[in-house]
């Protein structure tokens, strides 16, 4: 079986969505972005990401620390999802 070129996949995707209403195309775009970020692309090293930002956290004022802690508590209520479909 021959492999298909990237341009063939792109053309097929465009053909599939071209007749859809704009609102439906927007939904598909959000879905594709979600799939790329959460499923298709590998996750980075979480420890390295935390360490990169650790210096920023050390410089927070007490008020900023409290706002940050509140944001972390709220985020846990919604899980890891960035896109709501």
PDB file of N, CA and C in Angstrom:
ATOM      1  N   UNK A   1       0.830  -1.181   0.000  1.00  0.00           N
ATOM      2  CA  UNK A   1       0.000   0.000   0.000  1.00  0.00           C
ATOM      3  C   UNK A   1       0.874   1.243   0.000  1.00  0.00           C
ATOM      4  N   UNK A   2       0.641   2.143  -0.925  1.00  0.00           N
ATOM      5  CA  UNK A   2       1.437   3.365  -1.042  1.00  0.00           C
ATOM      6  C   UNK A   2       1.046   4.352   0.051  1.00  0.00           C
ATOM      7  N   UNK A   3       2.026   5.102   0.525  1.00  0.00           N
ATOM      8  CA  UNK A   3       1.728   6.124   1.529  1.00  0.00           C
ATOM      9  C   UNK A   3       1.202   7.377   0.843  1.00  0.00           C
ATOM     10  N   UNK A   4       0.330   8.043   1.521  1.00  0.00           N
ATOM     11  CA  UNK A   4      -0.261   9.256   0.974  1.00  0.00           C
ATOM     12  C   UNK A   4       0.553  10.462   1.404  1.00  0.00           C
ATOM     13  N   UNK A   5       0.564  11.467   0.572  1.00  0.00           N
ATOM     14  CA  UNK A   5       1.280  12.703   0.881  1.00  0.00           C
ATOM     15  C   UNK A   5       0.458  13.543   1.858  1.00  0.00           C
ATOM     16  N   UNK A   6       1.141  14.361   2.618  1.00  0.00           N
ATOM     17  CA  UNK A   6       0.475  15.252   3.570  1.00  0.00           C
ATOM     18  C   UNK A   6      -0.563  16.109   2.865  1.00  0.00           C
ATOM     19  N   UNK A   7      -0.240  16.586   1.669  1.00  0.00           N
ATOM     20  CA  UNK A   7      -1.173  17.444   0.942  1.00  0.00           C
ATOM     21  C   UNK A   7      -2.469  16.706   0.593  1.00  0.00           C
ATOM     22  N   UNK A   8      -2.380  15.395   0.404  1.00  0.00           N
ATOM     23  CA  UNK A   8      -3.597  14.616   0.124  1.00  0.00           C
ATOM     24  C   UNK A   8      -4.505  14.571   1.351  1.00  0.00           C
ATOM     25  N   UNK A   9      -3.915  14.376   2.523  1.00  0.00           N
ATOM     26  CA  UNK A   9      -4.699  14.393   3.751  1.00  0.00           C
ATOM     27  C   UNK A   9      -5.336  15.768   3.975  1.00  0.00           C
ATOM     28  N   UNK A  10      -4.551  16.816   3.753  1.00  0.00           N
ATOM     29  CA  UNK A  10      -5.077  18.170   3.928  1.00  0.00           C
ATOM     30  C   UNK A  10      -6.237  18.433   2.977  1.00  0.00           C
ATOM     31  N   UNK A  11      -6.101  18.016   1.738  1.00  0.00           N
ATOM     32  CA  UNK A  11      -7.168  18.213   0.753  1.00  0.00           C
ATOM     33  C   UNK A  11      -8.429  17.439   1.147  1.00  0.00           C
ATOM     34  N   UNK A  12      -8.243  16.236   1.652  1.00  0.00           N
ATOM     35  CA  UNK A  12      -9.388  15.428   2.072  1.00  0.00           C
ATOM     36  C   UNK A  12     -10.102  16.056   3.262  1.00  0.00           C
ATOM     37  N   UNK A  13      -9.326  16.572   4.215  1.00  0.00           N
ATOM     38  CA  UNK A  13      -9.935  17.248   5.367  1.00  0.00           C
ATOM     39  C   UNK A  13     -10.736  18.471   4.927  1.00  0.00           C
ATOM     40  N   UNK A  14     -10.155  19.267   4.049  1.00  0.00           N
ATOM     41  CA  UNK A  14     -10.859  20.455   3.555  1.00  0.00           C
ATOM     42  C   UNK A  14     -12.127  20.081   2.801  1.00  0.00           C
ATOM     43  N   UNK A  15     -12.062  19.033   2.007  1.00  0.00           N
ATOM     44  CA  UNK A  15     -13.241  18.592   1.259  1.00  0.00           C
ATOM     45  C   UNK A  15     -14.359  18.154   2.205  1.00  0.00           C
ATOM     46  N   UNK A  16     -13.990  17.538   3.314  1.00  0.00           N
ATOM     47  CA  UNK A  16     -14.987  17.070   4.278  1.00  0.00           C
ATOM     48  C   UNK A  16     -15.723  18.218   4.955  1.00  0.00           C
ATOM     49  N   UNK A  17     -15.051  19.337   5.184  1.00  0.00           N
ATOM     50  CA  UNK A  17     -15.682  20.411   5.950  1.00  0.00           C
ATOM     51  C   UNK A  17     -16.210  21.566   5.100  1.00  0.00           C
ATOM     52  N   UNK A  18     -15.887  21.599   3.820  1.00  0.00           N
ATOM     53  CA  UNK A  18     -16.204  22.787   3.017  1.00  0.00           C
ATOM     54  C   UNK A  18     -17.697  23.083   2.913  1.00  0.00           C
ATOM     55  N   UNK A  19     -18.557  22.093   2.985  1.00  0.00           N
ATOM     56  CA  UNK A  19     -19.990  22.329   2.857  1.00  0.00           C
ATOM     57  C   UNK A  19     -20.689  22.535   4.202  1.00  0.00           C
ATOM     58  N   UNK A  20     -19.948  22.459   5.282  1.00  0.00           N
ATOM     59  CA  UNK A  20     -20.549  22.640   6.601  1.00  0.00           C
ATOM     60  C   UNK A  20     -20.765  24.124   6.890  1.00  0.00           C
ATOM     61  N   UNK A  21     -21.779  24.444   7.681  1.00  0.00           N
ATOM     62  CA  UNK A  21     -21.966  25.836   8.106  1.00  0.00           C
ATOM     63  C   UNK A  21     -20.769  26.316   8.922  1.00  0.00           C
ATOM     64  N   UNK A  22     -20.570  27.605   8.944  1.00  0.00           N
ATOM     65  CA  UNK A  22     -19.416  28.183   9.638  1.00  0.00           C
ATOM     66  C   UNK A  22     -19.370  27.778  11.113  1.00  0.00           C
ATOM     67  N   UNK A  23     -20.524  27.747  11.777  1.00  0.00           N
ATOM     68  CA  UNK A  23     -20.558  27.375  13.195  1.00  0.00           C
ATOM     69  C   UNK A  23     -20.059  25.946  13.394  1.00  0.00           C
ATOM     70  N   UNK A  24     -20.414  25.053  12.490  1.00  0.00           N
ATOM     71  CA  UNK A  24     -19.958  23.664  12.595  1.00  0.00           C
ATOM     72  C   UNK A  24     -18.462  23.563  12.308  1.00  0.00           C
ATOM     73  N   UNK A  25     -17.974  24.375  11.387  1.00  0.00           N
ATOM     74  CA  UNK A  25     -16.537  24.390  11.110  1.00  0.00           C
ATOM     75  C   UNK A  25     -15.774  24.877  12.337  1.00  0.00           C
ATOM     76  N   UNK A  26     -16.322  25.865  13.039  1.00  0.00           N
ATOM     77  CA  UNK A  26     -15.675  26.372  14.250  1.00  0.00           C
ATOM     78  C   UNK A  26     -15.610  25.281  15.316  1.00  0.00           C
ATOM     79  N   UNK A  27     -16.677  24.490  15.444  1.00  0.00           N
ATOM     80  CA  UNK A  27     -16.675  23.381  16.404  1.00  0.00           C
ATOM     81  C   UNK A  27     -15.600  22.359  16.048  1.00  0.00           C
ATOM     82  N   UNK A  28     -15.491  22.047  14.766  1.00  0.00           N
ATOM     83  CA  UNK A  28     -14.473  21.086  14.333  1.00  0.00           C
ATOM     84  C   UNK A  28     -13.065  21.616  14.594  1.00  0.00           C
ATOM     85  N   UNK A  29     -12.866  22.905  14.386  1.00  0.00           N
ATOM     86  CA  UNK A  29     -11.565  23.502  14.648  1.00  0.00           C
ATOM     87  C   UNK A  29     -11.205  23.359  16.122  1.00  0.00           C
ATOM     88  N   UNK A  30     -12.151  23.637  17.015  1.00  0.00           N
ATOM     89  CA  UNK A  30     -11.894  23.470  18.448  1.00  0.00           C
ATOM     90  C   UNK A  30     -11.613  22.008  18.786  1.00  0.00           C
ATOM     91  N   UNK A  31     -12.333  21.104  18.154  1.00  0.00           N
ATOM     92  CA  UNK A  31     -12.113  19.677  18.386  1.00  0.00           C
ATOM     93  C   UNK A  31     -10.711  19.266  17.947  1.00  0.00           C
ATOM     94  N   UNK A  32     -10.297  19.723  16.785  1.00  0.00           N
ATOM     95  CA  UNK A  32      -8.961  19.398  16.281  1.00  0.00           C
ATOM     96  C   UNK A  32      -7.889  19.962  17.208  1.00  0.00           C
ATOM     97  N   UNK A  33      -8.079  21.197  17.667  1.00  0.00           N
ATOM     98  CA  UNK A  33      -7.110  21.794  18.588  1.00  0.00           C
ATOM     99  C   UNK A  33      -7.032  20.990  19.880  1.00  0.00           C
ATOM    100  N   UNK A  34      -8.184  20.557  20.396  1.00  0.00           N
ATOM    101  CA  UNK A  34      -8.214  19.735  21.599  1.00  0.00           C
ATOM    102  C   UNK A  34      -7.465  18.425  21.363  1.00  0.00           C
ATOM    103  N   UNK A  35      -7.760  17.768  20.245  1.00  0.00           N
ATOM    104  CA  UNK A  35      -7.108  16.497  19.943  1.00  0.00           C
ATOM    105  C   UNK A  35      -5.595  16.654  19.859  1.00  0.00           C
ATOM    106  N   UNK A  36      -5.139  17.721  19.207  1.00  0.00           N
ATOM    107  CA  UNK A  36      -3.697  17.953  19.091  1.00  0.00           C
ATOM    108  C   UNK A  36      -3.055  18.141  20.454  1.00  0.00           C
ATOM    109  N   UNK A  37      -3.664  18.988  21.294  1.00  0.00           N
ATOM    110  CA  UNK A  37      -3.057  19.318  22.582  1.00  0.00           C
ATOM    111  C   UNK A  37      -3.160  18.183  23.595  1.00  0.00           C
ATOM    112  N   UNK A  38      -4.285  17.496  23.620  1.00  0.00           N
ATOM    113  CA  UNK A  38      -4.530  16.539  24.688  1.00  0.00           C
ATOM    114  C   UNK A  38      -4.268  15.087  24.305  1.00  0.00           C
ATOM    115  N   UNK A  39      -4.295  14.767  23.026  1.00  0.00           N
ATOM    116  CA  UNK A  39      -4.216  13.361  22.648  1.00  0.00           C
ATOM    117  C   UNK A  39      -3.068  13.070  21.683  1.00  0.00           C
ATOM    118  N   UNK A  40      -2.946  13.835  20.619  1.00  0.00           N
ATOM    119  CA  UNK A  40      -1.996  13.489  19.564  1.00  0.00           C
ATOM    120  C   UNK A  40      -0.553  13.864  19.870  1.00  0.00           C
ATOM    121  N   UNK A  41      -0.332  15.050  20.406  1.00  0.00           N
ATOM    122  CA  UNK A  41       1.037  15.497  20.650  1.00  0.00           C
ATOM    123  C   UNK A  41       1.513  14.998  22.009  1.00  0.00           C
ATOM    124  N   UNK A  42       2.740  14.514  22.079  1.00  0.00           N
ATOM    125  CA  UNK A  42       3.235  13.990  23.357  1.00  0.00           C
ATOM    126  C   UNK A  42       3.333  15.101  24.400  1.00  0.00           C
ATOM    127  N   UNK A  43       3.098  14.722  25.636  1.00  0.00           N
ATOM    128  CA  UNK A  43       3.213  15.668  26.748  1.00  0.00           C
ATOM    129  C   UNK A  43       4.688  15.928  27.019  1.00  0.00           C
ATOM    130  N   UNK A  44       4.973  17.150  27.420  1.00  0.00           N
ATOM    131  CA  UNK A  44       6.336  17.491  27.785  1.00  0.00           C
ATOM    132  C   UNK A  44       6.670  16.960  29.159  1.00  0.00           C
ATOM    133  N   UNK A  45       7.852  17.187  29.583  1.00  0.00           N
ATOM    134  CA  UNK A  45       8.300  16.767  30.903  1.00  0.00           C
ATOM    135  C   UNK A  45       7.707  17.725  31.933  1.00  0.00           C
ATOM    136  N   UNK A  46       6.750  17.253  32.714  1.00  0.00           N
ATOM    137  CA  UNK A  46       6.084  18.099  33.701  1.00  0.00           C
ATOM    138  C   UNK A  46       7.060  18.646  34.731  1.00  0.00           C
ATOM    139  N   UNK A  47       8.016  17.824  35.141  1.00  0.00           N
ATOM    140  CA  UNK A  47       8.980  18.276  36.144  1.00  0.00           C
ATOM    141  C   UNK A  47       9.796  19.445  35.605  1.00  0.00           C
ATOM    142  N   UNK A  48      10.229  19.356  34.361  1.00  0.00           N
ATOM    143  CA  UNK A  48      11.013  20.443  33.772  1.00  0.00           C
ATOM    144  C   UNK A  48      10.174  21.714  33.677  1.00  0.00           C
ATOM    145  N   UNK A  49       8.904  21.583  33.330  1.00  0.00           N
ATOM    146  CA  UNK A  49       8.025  22.744  33.236  1.00  0.00           C
ATOM    147  C   UNK A  49       7.848  23.392  34.597  1.00  0.00           C
ATOM    148  N   UNK A  50       7.689  22.587  35.613  1.00  0.00           N
ATOM    149  CA  UNK A  50       7.527  23.124  36.976  1.00  0.00           C
ATOM    150  C   UNK A  50       8.793  23.856  37.411  1.00  0.00           C
ATOM    151  N   UNK A  51       9.933  23.252  37.153  1.00  0.00           N
ATOM    152  CA  UNK A  51      11.198  23.874  37.559  1.00  0.00           C
ATOM    153  C   UNK A  51      11.450  25.185  36.820  1.00  0.00           C
ATOM    154  N   UNK A  52      11.027  25.274  35.554  1.00  0.00           N
ATOM    155  CA  UNK A  52      11.192  26.521  34.808  1.00  0.00           C
ATOM    156  C   UNK A  52      10.416  27.667  35.460  1.00  0.00           C
ATOM    157  N   UNK A  53       9.293  27.338  36.064  1.00  0.00           N
ATOM    158  CA  UNK A  53       8.447  28.374  36.647  1.00  0.00           C
ATOM    159  C   UNK A  53       8.639  28.532  38.151  1.00  0.00           C
ATOM    160  N   UNK A  54       9.435  27.689  38.755  1.00  0.00           N
ATOM    161  CA  UNK A  54       9.619  27.732  40.203  1.00  0.00           C
ATOM    162  C   UNK A  54      10.185  29.074  40.655  1.00  0.00           C
ATOM    163  N   UNK A  55      11.089  29.639  39.903  1.00  0.00           N
ATOM    164  CA  UNK A  55      11.649  30.936  40.256  1.00  0.00           C
ATOM    165  C   UNK A  55      10.596  32.022  40.273  1.00  0.00           C
ATOM    166  N   UNK A  56       9.656  31.953  39.366  1.00  0.00           N
ATOM    167  CA  UNK A  56       8.569  32.933  39.344  1.00  0.00           C
ATOM    168  C   UNK A  56       7.713  32.823  40.603  1.00  0.00           C
ATOM    169  N   UNK A  57       7.439  31.593  41.026  1.00  0.00           N
ATOM    170  CA  UNK A  57       6.609  31.390  42.204  1.00  0.00           C
ATOM    171  C   UNK A  57       7.296  31.901  43.464  1.00  0.00           C
ATOM    172  N   UNK A  58       8.603  31.793  43.524  1.00  0.00           N
ATOM    173  CA  UNK A  58       9.347  32.250  44.696  1.00  0.00           C
ATOM    174  C   UNK A  58       9.264  33.760  44.859  1.00  0.00           C
ATOM    175  N   UNK A  59       9.024  34.491  43.779  1.00  0.00           N
ATOM    176  CA  UNK A  59       8.990  35.940  43.824  1.00  0.00           C
ATOM    177  C   UNK A  59       7.603  36.521  44.092  1.00  0.00           C
ATOM    178  N   UNK A  60       6.597  35.681  44.301  1.00  0.00           N
ATOM    179  CA  UNK A  60       5.229  36.168  44.515  1.00  0.00           C
ATOM    180  C   UNK A  60       5.090  36.839  45.876  1.00  0.00           C
ATOM    181  N   UNK A  61       4.278  37.889  45.909  1.00  0.00           N
ATOM    182  CA  UNK A  61       3.923  38.516  47.186  1.00  0.00           C
ATOM    183  C   UNK A  61       2.910  37.611  47.883  1.00  0.00           C
ATOM    184  N   UNK A  62       2.686  37.800  49.179  1.00  0.00           N
ATOM    185  CA  UNK A  62       1.683  36.982  49.876  1.00  0.00           C
ATOM    186  C   UNK A  62       0.293  37.060  49.205  1.00  0.00           C
ATOM    187  N   UNK A  63      -0.089  38.236  48.749  1.00  0.00           N
ATOM    188  CA  UNK A  63      -1.388  38.384  48.066  1.00  0.00           C
ATOM    189  C   UNK A  63      -1.410  37.595  46.754  1.00  0.00           C
ATOM    190  N   UNK A  64      -0.324  37.666  45.997  1.00  0.00           N
ATOM    191  CA  UNK A  64      -0.236  36.917  44.746  1.00  0.00           C
ATOM    192  C   UNK A  64      -0.219  35.409  45.007  1.00  0.00           C
ATOM    193  N   UNK A  65       0.446  34.997  46.081  1.00  0.00           N
ATOM    194  CA  UNK A  65       0.457  33.575  46.443  1.00  0.00           C
ATOM    195  C   UNK A  65      -0.949  33.076  46.718  1.00  0.00           C
ATOM    196  N   UNK A  66      -1.739  33.876  47.437  1.00  0.00           N
ATOM    197  CA  UNK A  66      -3.105  33.469  47.750  1.00  0.00           C
ATOM    198  C   UNK A  66      -3.944  33.379  46.475  1.00  0.00           C
ATOM    199  N   UNK A  67      -3.794  34.345  45.567  1.00  0.00           N
ATOM    200  CA  UNK A  67      -4.530  34.283  44.293  1.00  0.00           C
ATOM    201  C   UNK A  67      -4.121  33.059  43.486  1.00  0.00           C
ATOM    202  N   UNK A  68      -2.838  32.755  43.474  1.00  0.00           N
ATOM    203  CA  UNK A  68      -2.352  31.581  42.760  1.00  0.00           C
ATOM    204  C   UNK A  68      -2.934  30.302  43.369  1.00  0.00           C
ATOM    205  N   UNK A  69      -2.904  30.200  44.695  1.00  0.00           N
ATOM    206  CA  UNK A  69      -3.442  29.012  45.369  1.00  0.00           C
ATOM    207  C   UNK A  69      -4.930  28.853  45.069  1.00  0.00           C
ATOM    208  N   UNK A  70      -5.670  29.957  45.046  1.00  0.00           N
ATOM    209  CA  UNK A  70      -7.104  29.900  44.728  1.00  0.00           C
ATOM    210  C   UNK A  70      -7.317  29.418  43.289  1.00  0.00           C
ATOM    211  N   UNK A  71      -6.501  29.902  42.370  1.00  0.00           N
ATOM    212  CA  UNK A  71      -6.618  29.474  40.970  1.00  0.00           C
ATOM    213  C   UNK A  71      -6.341  27.979  40.829  1.00  0.00           C
ATOM    214  N   UNK A  72      -5.368  27.477  41.560  1.00  0.00           N
ATOM    215  CA  UNK A  72      -5.055  26.046  41.519  1.00  0.00           C
ATOM    216  C   UNK A  72      -6.229  25.240  42.065  1.00  0.00           C
ATOM    217  N   UNK A  73      -6.831  25.714  43.147  1.00  0.00           N
ATOM    218  CA  UNK A  73      -7.990  25.007  43.718  1.00  0.00           C
ATOM    219  C   UNK A  73      -9.154  24.995  42.723  1.00  0.00           C
ATOM    220  N   UNK A  74      -9.414  26.134  42.068  1.00  0.00           N
ATOM    221  CA  UNK A  74     -10.502  26.196  41.086  1.00  0.00           C
ATOM    222  C   UNK A  74     -10.217  25.301  39.893  1.00  0.00           C
ATOM    223  N   UNK A  75      -8.997  25.273  39.427  1.00  0.00           N
ATOM    224  CA  UNK A  75      -8.648  24.461  38.256  1.00  0.00           C
ATOM    225  C   UNK A  75      -8.937  22.990  38.507  1.00  0.00           C
ATOM    226  N   UNK A  76      -8.693  22.528  39.723  1.00  0.00           N
ATOM    227  CA  UNK A  76      -8.932  21.119  40.005  1.00  0.00           C
ATOM    228  C   UNK A  76     -10.409  20.760  39.883  1.00  0.00           C
ATOM    229  N   UNK A  77     -11.294  21.733  40.008  1.00  0.00           N
ATOM    230  CA  UNK A  77     -12.723  21.477  39.850  1.00  0.00           C
ATOM    231  C   UNK A  77     -13.083  21.151  38.410  1.00  0.00           C
ATOM    232  N   UNK A  78     -12.299  21.650  37.466  1.00  0.00           N
ATOM    233  CA  UNK A  78     -12.613  21.495  36.048  1.00  0.00           C
ATOM    234  C   UNK A  78     -11.744  20.480  35.334  1.00  0.00           C
ATOM    235  N   UNK A  79     -10.794  19.902  36.024  1.00  0.00           N
ATOM    236  CA  UNK A  79      -9.941  18.908  35.399  1.00  0.00           C
ATOM    237  C   UNK A  79      -8.902  19.555  34.509  1.00  0.00           C
ATOM    238  N   UNK A  80      -8.330  18.774  33.643  1.00  0.00           N
ATOM    239  CA  UNK A  80      -7.240  19.212  32.782  1.00  0.00           C
ATOM    240  C   UNK A  80      -7.701  19.766  31.443  1.00  0.00           C
ATOM    241  N   UNK A  81      -8.981  19.671  31.115  1.00  0.00           N
ATOM    242  CA  UNK A  81      -9.449  20.043  29.789  1.00  0.00           C
ATOM    243  C   UNK A  81      -9.374  21.542  29.562  1.00  0.00           C
ATOM    244  N   UNK A  82      -8.856  21.935  28.409  1.00  0.00           N
ATOM    245  CA  UNK A  82      -8.746  23.346  28.062  1.00  0.00           C
ATOM    246  C   UNK A  82      -9.866  23.780  27.137  1.00  0.00           C
ATOM    247  N   UNK A  83     -10.465  22.828  26.456  1.00  0.00           N
ATOM    248  CA  UNK A  83     -11.492  23.148  25.472  1.00  0.00           C
ATOM    249  C   UNK A  83     -12.787  22.485  25.878  1.00  0.00           C
ATOM    250  N   UNK A  84     -13.851  23.232  25.838  1.00  0.00           N
ATOM    251  CA  UNK A  84     -15.148  22.648  26.133  1.00  0.00           C
ATOM    252  C   UNK A  84     -15.944  22.600  24.828  1.00  0.00           C
ATOM    253  N   UNK A  85     -16.330  21.392  24.434  1.00  0.00           N
ATOM    254  CA  UNK A  85     -17.044  21.209  23.182  1.00  0.00           C
ATOM    255  C   UNK A  85     -18.534  21.195  23.412  1.00  0.00           C
TER     256      UNK A  85
END
